[in-house]
């Protein structure tokens, strides 16, 4: 006489699965709070250049949040109280174009900006 494998889950298996499912459901429900910001949510103004120094101002629409960091080209920019600034060496001529990554909280948007100076 052979024994048949049990095809029904035990109560312990059901409870263990339910314990892992609850956190996954709560994380999935929270996900929309971290949706990406739209490309037009923030705008770049006054992109200027003075030698290796690149400057720009950023304005975001109401409700988007505060800009937390900016990257110009491959360099992290710093906030001087008025505008964002990054120093880059070995870059192109006046009117050079670089990607600018604007971070607002956990979200980011990338813009292509031509710096005049």
Protein backbone atom coordinates (compact mmCIF):
# COMPACT_ATOMS: atom_id res chain seq x y z
CA UNK A 1 0.00 0.00 0.00
CA UNK A 2 1.53 3.33 -1.07
CA UNK A 3 0.93 6.62 0.65
CA UNK A 4 -0.51 9.48 -1.37
CA UNK A 5 1.19 12.89 -1.05
CA UNK A 6 -0.88 15.42 0.82
CA UNK A 7 -2.33 17.94 -1.68
CA UNK A 8 -3.97 20.27 0.84
CA UNK A 9 -1.88 22.82 2.74
CA UNK A 10 -1.62 22.55 6.48
CA UNK A 11 -2.89 25.31 8.76
CA UNK A 12 0.70 26.16 9.57
CA UNK A 13 1.54 26.70 5.87
CA UNK A 14 -1.51 28.93 5.38
CA UNK A 15 -0.62 31.09 8.39
CA UNK A 16 3.04 31.36 7.37
CA UNK A 17 2.05 32.46 3.85
CA UNK A 18 -0.43 35.01 5.20
CA UNK A 19 2.25 36.47 7.48
CA UNK A 20 4.49 37.16 4.46
CA UNK A 21 1.67 38.45 2.27
CA UNK A 22 0.50 41.25 4.59
CA UNK A 23 3.74 43.30 4.42
CA UNK A 24 3.91 42.88 0.63
CA UNK A 25 0.38 44.23 0.25
CA UNK A 26 1.10 47.25 2.47
CA UNK A 27 4.27 48.06 0.48
CA UNK A 28 2.39 47.80 -2.83
CA UNK A 29 -0.29 50.17 -1.55
CA UNK A 30 2.33 52.73 -0.46
CA UNK A 31 4.13 52.77 -3.81
CA UNK A 32 2.11 55.59 -5.47
CA UNK A 33 3.47 58.06 -2.90
CA UNK A 34 6.88 57.70 -4.57
CA UNK A 35 5.76 58.26 -8.16
CA UNK A 36 8.24 60.04 -10.41
CA UNK A 37 7.91 63.76 -10.96
CA UNK A 38 7.02 64.91 -14.46
CA UNK A 39 9.60 66.50 -16.77
CA UNK A 40 7.82 69.86 -16.63
CA UNK A 41 7.52 69.87 -12.82
CA UNK A 42 10.78 71.81 -12.47
CA UNK A 43 12.37 74.34 -14.81
CA UNK A 44 15.97 75.49 -15.22
CA UNK A 45 16.62 79.22 -15.57
CA UNK A 46 19.72 81.34 -16.11
CA UNK A 47 22.17 78.57 -17.04
CA UNK A 48 25.45 80.49 -17.21
CA UNK A 49 29.10 79.63 -17.33
CA UNK A 50 32.24 81.46 -16.25
CA UNK A 51 35.26 79.38 -17.25
CA UNK A 52 34.96 76.03 -15.47
CA UNK A 53 32.17 77.32 -13.19
CA UNK A 54 28.61 76.42 -14.17
CA UNK A 55 25.61 78.11 -12.55
CA UNK A 56 21.84 77.69 -12.79
CA UNK A 57 18.61 78.35 -10.94
CA UNK A 58 15.77 75.86 -10.56
CA UNK A 59 12.10 76.51 -9.95
CA UNK A 60 9.55 73.78 -9.25
CA UNK A 61 5.78 73.98 -9.44
CA UNK A 62 3.81 74.26 -6.17
CA UNK A 63 3.30 70.89 -4.51
CA UNK A 64 6.34 69.25 -6.13
CA UNK A 65 8.60 69.70 -3.10
CA UNK A 66 11.99 71.21 -2.47
CA UNK A 67 15.01 70.43 -4.63
CA UNK A 68 17.35 68.26 -2.54
CA UNK A 69 20.31 67.98 -4.93
CA UNK A 70 21.45 68.81 -8.46
CA UNK A 71 24.04 67.23 -10.73
CA UNK A 72 25.47 69.20 -13.65
CA UNK A 73 27.14 66.89 -16.15
CA UNK A 74 28.92 64.43 -13.87
CA UNK A 75 29.49 66.84 -10.98
CA UNK A 76 27.38 67.32 -7.88
CA UNK A 77 26.32 70.95 -7.64
CA UNK A 78 26.25 72.96 -4.44
CA UNK A 79 23.65 75.53 -3.38
CA UNK A 80 25.13 78.96 -2.63
CA UNK A 81 21.88 80.45 -1.32
CA UNK A 82 20.95 81.94 -4.69
CA UNK A 83 21.73 79.33 -7.34
CA UNK A 84 23.31 75.93 -7.96
CA UNK A 85 27.02 75.79 -8.85
CA UNK A 86 29.36 73.09 -10.14
CA UNK A 87 32.97 73.34 -11.19
CA UNK A 88 33.92 71.20 -14.18
CA UNK A 89 37.26 71.03 -15.90
CA UNK A 90 38.03 69.87 -19.41
CA UNK A 91 34.59 70.71 -20.78
CA UNK A 92 33.66 72.15 -24.18
CA UNK A 93 33.34 75.64 -25.50
CA UNK A 94 31.01 78.41 -24.39
CA UNK A 95 27.50 77.24 -25.15
CA UNK A 96 28.29 73.67 -24.07
CA UNK A 97 25.35 71.38 -23.36
CA UNK A 98 25.12 69.10 -20.32
CA UNK A 99 22.54 66.92 -18.62
CA UNK A 100 21.22 68.37 -15.38
CA UNK A 101 19.69 65.93 -12.89
CA UNK A 102 17.29 67.56 -10.43
CA UNK A 103 16.39 65.54 -7.34
CA UNK A 104 13.27 66.23 -5.30
CA UNK A 105 13.13 63.82 -2.37
CA UNK A 106 13.52 60.33 -3.84
CA UNK A 107 12.46 61.40 -7.33
CA UNK A 108 14.54 62.93 -10.09
CA UNK A 109 14.14 64.51 -13.50
CA UNK A 110 16.85 65.02 -16.13
CA UNK A 111 17.03 68.09 -18.35
CA UNK A 112 19.42 68.91 -21.18
CA UNK A 113 20.73 72.44 -20.66
CA UNK A 114 22.98 74.70 -22.76
CA UNK A 115 25.19 76.95 -20.63
CA UNK A 116 25.91 80.43 -22.01
CA UNK A 117 28.74 82.56 -20.74
